[in-house]
Protein backbone atom coordinates (compact mmCIF):
# COMPACT_ATOMS: atom_id res chain seq x y z
CA UNK A 1 0.00 0.00 0.00
CA UNK A 2 2.82 2.41 0.90
CA UNK A 3 4.61 1.56 -2.35
CA UNK A 4 1.46 2.32 -4.37
CA UNK A 5 1.04 5.69 -2.62
CA UNK A 6 4.68 6.62 -3.32
CA UNK A 7 4.33 5.70 -7.00
CA UNK A 8 1.08 7.64 -7.22
CA UNK A 9 2.70 10.66 -5.57
CA UNK A 10 5.63 10.52 -8.01
CA UNK A 11 3.22 10.25 -10.93
CA UNK A 12 1.20 13.26 -9.74
CA UNK A 13 4.37 15.34 -9.24
CA UNK A 14 5.63 14.33 -12.67
CA UNK A 15 2.34 15.27 -14.33
CA UNK A 16 2.22 18.65 -12.59
CA UNK A 17 5.78 19.36 -13.69
CA UNK A 18 5.20 18.16 -17.23
CA UNK A 19 1.90 19.97 -17.72
CA UNK A 20 3.23 23.08 -16.00
CA UNK A 21 6.11 23.11 -18.47
CA UNK A 22 3.73 22.77 -21.40
CA UNK A 23 1.45 25.58 -20.38
CA UNK A 24 3.86 28.00 -18.73
CA UNK A 25 5.26 30.90 -20.66
CA UNK A 26 8.68 32.05 -19.65
CA UNK A 27 8.75 35.71 -18.81
CA UNK A 28 11.39 38.19 -19.70
CA UNK A 29 12.43 39.39 -16.28
CA UNK A 30 15.78 41.04 -16.95
CA UNK A 31 18.64 41.81 -14.56
CA UNK A 32 21.38 44.14 -15.72
CA UNK A 33 24.73 42.95 -14.34
CA UNK A 34 28.05 44.77 -14.04
CA UNK A 35 30.26 42.51 -16.16
CA UNK A 36 30.08 40.40 -19.29
CA UNK A 37 31.34 37.39 -17.31
CA UNK A 38 28.33 37.55 -14.97
CA UNK A 39 25.86 37.83 -17.86
CA UNK A 40 24.03 35.18 -19.81
CA UNK A 41 23.74 37.53 -22.79
CA UNK A 42 25.67 40.63 -23.85
CA UNK A 43 23.41 43.34 -25.28
CA UNK A 44 23.94 46.55 -27.23
CA UNK A 45 21.26 49.24 -27.53
CA UNK A 46 21.21 50.53 -31.08
CA UNK A 47 19.74 53.82 -32.28
CA UNK A 48 18.82 52.24 -35.62
CA UNK A 49 15.65 50.13 -35.50
CA UNK A 50 16.65 48.26 -38.66
CA UNK A 51 19.94 47.12 -37.10
CA UNK A 52 18.27 45.51 -34.09
CA UNK A 53 17.71 41.80 -33.55
CA UNK A 54 14.89 42.58 -31.14
CA UNK A 55 12.58 45.53 -30.58
CA UNK A 56 12.06 45.80 -26.82
CA UNK A 57 9.25 47.43 -24.89
CA UNK A 58 10.00 48.06 -21.23
CA UNK A 59 7.00 47.08 -19.08
CA UNK A 60 6.23 48.47 -15.64
CA UNK A 61 4.92 45.26 -14.09
CA UNK A 62 6.35 41.75 -13.99
CA UNK A 63 2.99 40.28 -14.99
CA UNK A 64 3.23 42.10 -18.33
CA UNK A 65 6.53 40.45 -19.27
CA UNK A 66 5.12 37.08 -20.27
CA UNK A 67 6.75 35.27 -23.15
CA UNK A 68 9.87 35.81 -25.20
CA UNK A 69 8.35 38.56 -27.31
CA UNK A 70 10.36 41.62 -26.31
CA UNK A 71 8.35 42.79 -23.30
CA UNK A 72 11.07 43.27 -20.68
CA UNK A 73 10.64 43.88 -16.97
CA UNK A 74 13.84 44.99 -15.24
CA UNK A 75 14.34 43.39 -11.83
CA UNK A 76 16.88 44.49 -9.22
CA UNK A 77 17.11 41.16 -7.42
CA UNK A 78 19.21 38.52 -9.19
CA UNK A 79 17.22 35.67 -7.70
CA UNK A 80 14.07 36.67 -9.59
CA UNK A 81 15.66 37.39 -12.96
CA UNK A 82 15.06 35.05 -15.90
CA UNK A 83 17.96 36.48 -17.88
CA UNK A 84 21.07 38.35 -16.75
CA UNK A 85 22.30 40.81 -19.37
CA UNK A 86 25.32 43.03 -19.70
CA UNK A 87 24.97 46.18 -21.77
CA UNK A 88 28.10 46.69 -23.89
CA UNK A 89 29.43 49.92 -25.35
CA UNK A 90 29.89 48.51 -28.85
CA UNK A 91 27.74 46.46 -31.19
CA UNK A 92 30.71 44.25 -32.07
CA UNK A 93 30.98 43.05 -28.45
CA UNK A 94 27.27 42.16 -28.21
CA UNK A 95 25.46 38.91 -28.87
CA UNK A 96 22.13 40.71 -29.17
CA UNK A 97 21.27 44.14 -30.59
CA UNK A 98 18.12 45.73 -29.20
CA UNK A 99 16.09 48.83 -29.96
CA UNK A 100 13.67 50.26 -27.41
CA UNK A 101 10.19 50.96 -28.79
CA UNK A 102 7.38 53.18 -27.46
CA UNK A 103 4.50 50.70 -27.66
CA UNK A 104 4.02 47.05 -26.67
CA UNK A 105 2.62 46.31 -30.12
CA UNK A 106 5.96 47.33 -31.67
CA UNK A 107 7.97 44.79 -29.65
CA UNK A 108 9.06 41.87 -31.82
CA UNK A 109 11.92 39.72 -32.99
CA UNK A 110 13.55 40.78 -36.24
CA UNK A 111 16.26 38.10 -36.09
CA UNK A 112 14.48 34.94 -34.93
CA UNK A 113 17.75 32.98 -34.91
CA UNK A 114 18.76 34.93 -31.81
CA UNK A 115 15.50 34.27 -29.95
CA UNK A 116 17.06 31.26 -28.23
CA UNK A 117 19.50 33.59 -26.42
CA UNK A 118 16.69 34.67 -24.09
CA UNK A 119 15.09 31.30 -23.51
CA UNK A 120 15.64 29.60 -20.18
C-alpha atoms as a PDB file:
ATOM      1  CA  UNK A   1       0.000   0.000   0.000  1.00  0.00           C
ATOM      2  CA  UNK A   2       2.823   2.412   0.899  1.00  0.00           C
ATOM      3  CA  UNK A   3       4.608   1.563  -2.348  1.00  0.00           C
ATOM      4  CA  UNK A   4       1.463   2.323  -4.372  1.00  0.00           C
ATOM      5  CA  UNK A   5       1.044   5.695  -2.615  1.00  0.00           C
ATOM      6  CA  UNK A   6       4.676   6.615  -3.323  1.00  0.00           C
ATOM      7  CA  UNK A   7       4.329   5.701  -6.995  1.00  0.00           C
ATOM      8  CA  UNK A   8       1.078   7.642  -7.223  1.00  0.00           C
ATOM      9  CA  UNK A   9       2.698  10.660  -5.567  1.00  0.00           C
ATOM     10  CA  UNK A  10       5.633  10.525  -8.013  1.00  0.00           C
ATOM     11  CA  UNK A  11       3.223  10.250 -10.932  1.00  0.00           C
ATOM     12  CA  UNK A  12       1.204  13.259  -9.745  1.00  0.00           C
ATOM     13  CA  UNK A  13       4.375  15.345  -9.242  1.00  0.00           C
ATOM     14  CA  UNK A  14       5.634  14.330 -12.667  1.00  0.00           C
ATOM     15  CA  UNK A  15       2.337  15.272 -14.328  1.00  0.00           C
ATOM     16  CA  UNK A  16       2.219  18.652 -12.591  1.00  0.00           C
ATOM     17  CA  UNK A  17       5.777  19.365 -13.686  1.00  0.00           C
ATOM     18  CA  UNK A  18       5.196  18.161 -17.228  1.00  0.00           C
ATOM     19  CA  UNK A  19       1.897  19.970 -17.716  1.00  0.00           C
ATOM     20  CA  UNK A  20       3.230  23.080 -15.999  1.00  0.00           C
ATOM     21  CA  UNK A  21       6.108  23.111 -18.472  1.00  0.00           C
ATOM     22  CA  UNK A  22       3.733  22.765 -21.403  1.00  0.00           C
ATOM     23  CA  UNK A  23       1.449  25.582 -20.378  1.00  0.00           C
ATOM     24  CA  UNK A  24       3.859  27.996 -18.730  1.00  0.00           C
ATOM     25  CA  UNK A  25       5.258  30.902 -20.658  1.00  0.00           C
ATOM     26  CA  UNK A  26       8.680  32.053 -19.649  1.00  0.00           C
ATOM     27  CA  UNK A  27       8.748  35.705 -18.808  1.00  0.00           C
ATOM     28  CA  UNK A  28      11.391  38.192 -19.695  1.00  0.00           C
ATOM     29  CA  UNK A  29      12.433  39.389 -16.279  1.00  0.00           C
ATOM     30  CA  UNK A  30      15.776  41.036 -16.946  1.00  0.00           C
ATOM     31  CA  UNK A  31      18.638  41.809 -14.565  1.00  0.00           C
ATOM     32  CA  UNK A  32      21.381  44.139 -15.718  1.00  0.00           C
ATOM     33  CA  UNK A  33      24.734  42.954 -14.342  1.00  0.00           C
ATOM     34  CA  UNK A  34      28.049  44.766 -14.044  1.00  0.00           C
ATOM     35  CA  UNK A  35      30.260  42.514 -16.163  1.00  0.00           C
ATOM     36  CA  UNK A  36      30.084  40.397 -19.294  1.00  0.00           C
ATOM     37  CA  UNK A  37      31.342  37.393 -17.307  1.00  0.00           C
ATOM     38  CA  UNK A  38      28.328  37.547 -14.970  1.00  0.00           C
ATOM     39  CA  UNK A  39      25.861  37.828 -17.862  1.00  0.00           C
ATOM     40  CA  UNK A  40      24.032  35.175 -19.809  1.00  0.00           C
ATOM     41  CA  UNK A  41      23.744  37.528 -22.789  1.00  0.00           C
ATOM     42  CA  UNK A  42      25.666  40.628 -23.848  1.00  0.00           C
ATOM     43  CA  UNK A  43      23.412  43.339 -25.279  1.00  0.00           C
ATOM     44  CA  UNK A  44      23.940  46.549 -27.227  1.00  0.00           C
ATOM     45  CA  UNK A  45      21.262  49.238 -27.529  1.00  0.00           C
ATOM     46  CA  UNK A  46      21.207  50.534 -31.079  1.00  0.00           C
ATOM     47  CA  UNK A  47      19.744  53.825 -32.284  1.00  0.00           C
ATOM     48  CA  UNK A  48      18.818  52.242 -35.619  1.00  0.00           C
ATOM     49  CA  UNK A  49      15.648  50.134 -35.497  1.00  0.00           C
ATOM     50  CA  UNK A  50      16.648  48.259 -38.663  1.00  0.00           C
ATOM     51  CA  UNK A  51      19.942  47.123 -37.098  1.00  0.00           C
ATOM     52  CA  UNK A  52      18.270  45.508 -34.089  1.00  0.00           C
ATOM     53  CA  UNK A  53      17.715  41.801 -33.551  1.00  0.00           C
ATOM     54  CA  UNK A  54      14.895  42.581 -31.144  1.00  0.00           C
ATOM     55  CA  UNK A  55      12.576  45.532 -30.582  1.00  0.00           C
ATOM     56  CA  UNK A  56      12.061  45.799 -26.815  1.00  0.00           C
ATOM     57  CA  UNK A  57       9.248  47.432 -24.891  1.00  0.00           C
ATOM     58  CA  UNK A  58       9.997  48.060 -21.233  1.00  0.00           C
ATOM     59  CA  UNK A  59       7.004  47.078 -19.078  1.00  0.00           C
ATOM     60  CA  UNK A  60       6.235  48.468 -15.640  1.00  0.00           C
ATOM     61  CA  UNK A  61       4.917  45.264 -14.089  1.00  0.00           C
ATOM     62  CA  UNK A  62       6.348  41.751 -13.986  1.00  0.00           C
ATOM     63  CA  UNK A  63       2.987  40.280 -14.992  1.00  0.00           C
ATOM     64  CA  UNK A  64       3.231  42.104 -18.333  1.00  0.00           C
ATOM     65  CA  UNK A  65       6.532  40.452 -19.265  1.00  0.00           C
ATOM     66  CA  UNK A  66       5.122  37.075 -20.273  1.00  0.00           C
ATOM     67  CA  UNK A  67       6.752  35.272 -23.146  1.00  0.00           C
ATOM     68  CA  UNK A  68       9.872  35.807 -25.201  1.00  0.00           C
ATOM     69  CA  UNK A  69       8.354  38.563 -27.312  1.00  0.00           C
ATOM     70  CA  UNK A  70      10.357  41.621 -26.308  1.00  0.00           C
ATOM     71  CA  UNK A  71       8.353  42.789 -23.299  1.00  0.00           C
ATOM     72  CA  UNK A  72      11.069  43.267 -20.675  1.00  0.00           C
ATOM     73  CA  UNK A  73      10.644  43.880 -16.973  1.00  0.00           C
ATOM     74  CA  UNK A  74      13.838  44.990 -15.241  1.00  0.00           C
ATOM     75  CA  UNK A  75      14.339  43.393 -11.834  1.00  0.00           C
ATOM     76  CA  UNK A  76      16.878  44.495  -9.222  1.00  0.00           C
ATOM     77  CA  UNK A  77      17.106  41.161  -7.416  1.00  0.00           C
ATOM     78  CA  UNK A  78      19.210  38.519  -9.187  1.00  0.00           C
ATOM     79  CA  UNK A  79      17.222  35.671  -7.697  1.00  0.00           C
ATOM     80  CA  UNK A  80      14.075  36.672  -9.587  1.00  0.00           C
ATOM     81  CA  UNK A  81      15.661  37.389 -12.964  1.00  0.00           C
ATOM     82  CA  UNK A  82      15.056  35.053 -15.896  1.00  0.00           C
ATOM     83  CA  UNK A  83      17.956  36.480 -17.878  1.00  0.00           C
ATOM     84  CA  UNK A  84      21.066  38.354 -16.752  1.00  0.00           C
ATOM     85  CA  UNK A  85      22.299  40.812 -19.365  1.00  0.00           C
ATOM     86  CA  UNK A  86      25.321  43.028 -19.698  1.00  0.00           C
ATOM     87  CA  UNK A  87      24.974  46.176 -21.774  1.00  0.00           C
ATOM     88  CA  UNK A  88      28.097  46.686 -23.892  1.00  0.00           C
ATOM     89  CA  UNK A  89      29.432  49.922 -25.353  1.00  0.00           C
ATOM     90  CA  UNK A  90      29.889  48.509 -28.847  1.00  0.00           C
ATOM     91  CA  UNK A  91      27.739  46.459 -31.194  1.00  0.00           C
ATOM     92  CA  UNK A  92      30.709  44.253 -32.072  1.00  0.00           C
ATOM     93  CA  UNK A  93      30.977  43.049 -28.453  1.00  0.00           C
ATOM     94  CA  UNK A  94      27.267  42.158 -28.211  1.00  0.00           C
ATOM     95  CA  UNK A  95      25.462  38.909 -28.874  1.00  0.00           C
ATOM     96  CA  UNK A  96      22.127  40.708 -29.172  1.00  0.00           C
ATOM     97  CA  UNK A  97      21.271  44.139 -30.593  1.00  0.00           C
ATOM     98  CA  UNK A  98      18.119  45.730 -29.203  1.00  0.00           C
ATOM     99  CA  UNK A  99      16.094  48.825 -29.965  1.00  0.00           C
ATOM    100  CA  UNK A 100      13.665  50.263 -27.408  1.00  0.00           C
ATOM    101  CA  UNK A 101      10.190  50.964 -28.787  1.00  0.00           C
ATOM    102  CA  UNK A 102       7.383  53.177 -27.459  1.00  0.00           C
ATOM    103  CA  UNK A 103       4.498  50.702 -27.664  1.00  0.00           C
ATOM    104  CA  UNK A 104       4.023  47.051 -26.670  1.00  0.00           C
ATOM    105  CA  UNK A 105       2.624  46.308 -30.119  1.00  0.00           C
ATOM    106  CA  UNK A 106       5.962  47.332 -31.672  1.00  0.00           C
ATOM    107  CA  UNK A 107       7.965  44.787 -29.651  1.00  0.00           C
ATOM    108  CA  UNK A 108       9.058  41.870 -31.822  1.00  0.00           C
ATOM    109  CA  UNK A 109      11.917  39.717 -32.989  1.00  0.00           C
ATOM    110  CA  UNK A 110      13.554  40.780 -36.243  1.00  0.00           C
ATOM    111  CA  UNK A 111      16.260  38.104 -36.089  1.00  0.00           C
ATOM    112  CA  UNK A 112      14.475  34.936 -34.933  1.00  0.00           C
ATOM    113  CA  UNK A 113      17.748  32.978 -34.912  1.00  0.00           C
ATOM    114  CA  UNK A 114      18.762  34.929 -31.811  1.00  0.00           C
ATOM    115  CA  UNK A 115      15.503  34.268 -29.953  1.00  0.00           C
ATOM    116  CA  UNK A 116      17.060  31.259 -28.226  1.00  0.00           C
ATOM    117  CA  UNK A 117      19.504  33.589 -26.420  1.00  0.00           C
ATOM    118  CA  UNK A 118      16.692  34.674 -24.089  1.00  0.00           C
ATOM    119  CA  UNK A 119      15.094  31.301 -23.510  1.00  0.00           C
ATOM    120  CA  UNK A 120      15.636  29.602 -20.183  1.00  0.00           C
END
